[in-house]
Protein backbone atom coordinates (compact mmCIF):
# COMPACT_ATOMS: atom_id res chain seq x y z
CA MET A 1 -0.07 0.02 -0.08
CA ALA A 2 1.12 3.43 -0.78
CA GLU A 3 1.89 5.97 1.87
CA PRO A 4 -0.66 8.85 1.74
CA ASP A 5 1.93 11.65 1.76
CA PHE A 6 3.57 10.15 -1.64
CA GLU A 7 0.23 9.77 -3.14
CA ALA A 8 -0.64 13.56 -2.15
CA GLN A 9 2.67 14.58 -3.70
CA LEU A 10 2.08 12.55 -6.93
CA THR A 11 -1.31 14.41 -7.11
CA ARG A 12 0.13 17.71 -6.99
CA MET A 13 2.98 17.11 -9.39
CA PHE A 14 0.67 15.65 -11.89
CA GLY A 15 -2.64 16.74 -11.33
CA GLN A 16 -2.32 20.02 -13.40
CA PRO A 17 -0.12 20.40 -16.55
CA PRO A 18 2.67 22.85 -16.04
CA SER A 19 2.23 26.38 -17.61
CA PHE A 20 4.65 27.77 -19.91
CA PRO A 21 5.50 31.53 -20.31
CA ASP A 22 4.68 31.24 -24.44
CA ALA A 23 1.46 28.87 -24.10
CA ALA A 24 -0.60 31.85 -25.54
CA LEU A 25 1.88 32.42 -28.41
CA PHE A 26 1.72 28.51 -29.19
CA ASN A 27 -1.77 28.14 -28.85
CA ALA A 28 -2.14 31.30 -31.64
CA GLU A 29 0.48 29.72 -33.84
CA VAL A 30 -1.28 26.46 -33.84
CA ALA A 31 -4.60 28.03 -34.43
CA ALA A 32 -3.32 29.96 -37.61
CA LYS A 33 -1.72 26.83 -38.95
CA LEU A 34 -5.18 25.05 -38.50
CA ASP A 35 -6.82 27.81 -40.16
CA ARG A 36 -4.54 28.03 -43.20
CA GLY A 37 -4.90 24.62 -43.76
CA TRP A 38 -8.75 24.74 -43.77
CA ALA A 39 -8.43 27.63 -46.32
CA MET A 40 -6.52 25.73 -48.79
CA ARG A 41 -8.42 22.51 -48.48
CA ARG A 42 -11.64 24.58 -49.11
CA MET A 43 -9.71 26.20 -52.10
CA PHE A 44 -8.75 22.80 -53.61
CA ILE A 45 -12.30 21.54 -52.96
CA ALA A 46 -13.74 24.79 -54.88
CA VAL A 47 -11.17 23.91 -57.61
CA ALA A 48 -12.06 20.17 -58.01
CA GLY A 49 -15.48 21.01 -58.02
CA THR A 50 -15.14 23.53 -60.47
CA GLY A 51 -13.38 21.59 -63.03
CA ALA A 52 -15.73 18.56 -62.44
CA GLY A 53 -18.50 20.80 -63.05
CA LEU A 54 -17.07 21.60 -66.33
CA VAL A 55 -16.32 18.11 -67.19
CA GLY A 56 -19.93 17.19 -66.61
CA ALA A 57 -21.23 20.06 -68.63
CA VAL A 58 -18.77 19.05 -71.78
CA GLN A 59 -19.99 15.45 -71.38
CA ILE A 60 -23.74 16.42 -71.22
CA PHE A 61 -23.53 18.67 -74.15
CA GLY A 62 -21.26 16.12 -76.04
CA SER A 63 -23.71 13.30 -75.61
CA ARG A 64 -26.63 15.33 -76.55
CA PHE A 65 -24.96 16.59 -79.94
CA SER A 66 -22.72 13.64 -80.67
CA ASN A 67 -24.81 12.44 -83.56
CA GLU A 68 -24.42 16.11 -85.06
CA LEU A 69 -21.07 16.04 -84.67
CA ALA A 70 -20.30 12.55 -86.13
CA GLN A 71 -22.14 13.90 -89.25
CA LEU A 72 -20.25 17.02 -89.59
CA SER A 73 -16.89 15.07 -89.33
CA LYS A 74 -18.20 12.60 -92.15
CA GLU A 75 -18.92 15.39 -94.43
CA GLY A 76 -15.44 16.69 -94.92
CA THR A 77 -15.62 17.75 -98.31
CA HIS A 78 -17.45 20.81 -97.55
CA GLY A 79 -15.72 24.16 -97.78
CA LEU A 80 -14.57 26.09 -94.72
CA GLU A 81 -17.34 28.50 -95.20
CA ALA A 82 -19.95 25.75 -95.14
CA GLU A 83 -18.57 24.21 -92.16
CA ILE A 84 -18.69 27.78 -90.21
CA ASN A 85 -22.15 28.38 -91.45
CA GLY A 86 -23.36 25.11 -90.32
CA GLY A 87 -21.40 25.41 -87.01
CA TRP A 88 -23.13 28.87 -86.63
CA ALA A 89 -26.65 27.08 -87.23
CA LYS A 90 -25.92 24.55 -84.50
CA LEU A 91 -24.95 26.92 -82.25
CA THR A 92 -27.73 29.19 -82.71
CA SER A 93 -30.14 26.15 -82.23
CA LEU A 94 -28.29 25.17 -79.25
CA VAL A 95 -29.01 28.72 -77.55
CA SER A 96 -32.33 28.78 -78.68
CA THR A 97 -33.71 25.38 -77.73
CA PRO A 98 -34.47 24.31 -74.10
CA ALA A 99 -32.23 21.78 -72.39
CA SER A 100 -33.00 18.16 -72.25
CA ALA A 101 -34.74 16.82 -69.34
CA GLU A 102 -31.86 14.89 -68.21
CA ALA A 103 -29.84 18.29 -67.99
CA VAL A 104 -32.42 19.87 -66.15
CA TRP A 105 -32.83 16.86 -63.56
CA LEU A 106 -28.94 16.82 -63.28
CA ALA A 107 -28.95 20.72 -62.49
CA ALA A 108 -31.66 20.37 -60.06
CA GLY A 109 -29.70 17.61 -58.32
CA LEU A 110 -26.49 19.30 -58.29
CA ALA A 111 -28.38 22.42 -56.51
CA VAL A 112 -29.87 20.42 -54.13
CA ALA A 113 -26.42 18.90 -53.26
CA ALA A 114 -24.93 22.27 -53.23
CA LEU A 115 -27.58 23.38 -51.00
CA ALA A 116 -27.24 20.32 -48.62
CA PHE A 117 -23.29 21.44 -48.40
CA ALA A 118 -23.98 25.01 -47.62
CA VAL A 119 -26.47 23.92 -44.73
CA THR A 120 -24.26 21.62 -43.48
CA ARG A 121 -21.24 24.27 -43.55
CA ALA A 122 -23.41 26.68 -41.82
CA VAL A 123 -24.54 24.41 -39.27
CA GLU A 124 -20.62 23.65 -38.65
CA ASP A 125 -19.94 27.34 -38.33
CA PHE A 126 -22.22 27.96 -35.38
């Protein structure tokens, strides 16, 4: 059995952590490094999300107009002016026609996901 004086001495020695004179500075430096790390993560996530969104948009538009592009590539004997006029006609038809139902559902789903991420971010900040 241990002596009560020895136990009391151990309790006093190890009961509370020792205080260092630069503890406040150390805490501030650690907090600044952690904040900087989160800012970099947020930046990388934003860049990756933007890139993925662009790739998705190219894939959607590419799949919608792949038949037209294949037909344009088969008819390679046309002159440059005919190609430019055909491309301009396709571009104006693209702008004037509404998007397909799949693209609308995809955009709505992405908007819901973005809203969910924004809500969880707002909840974490409070």
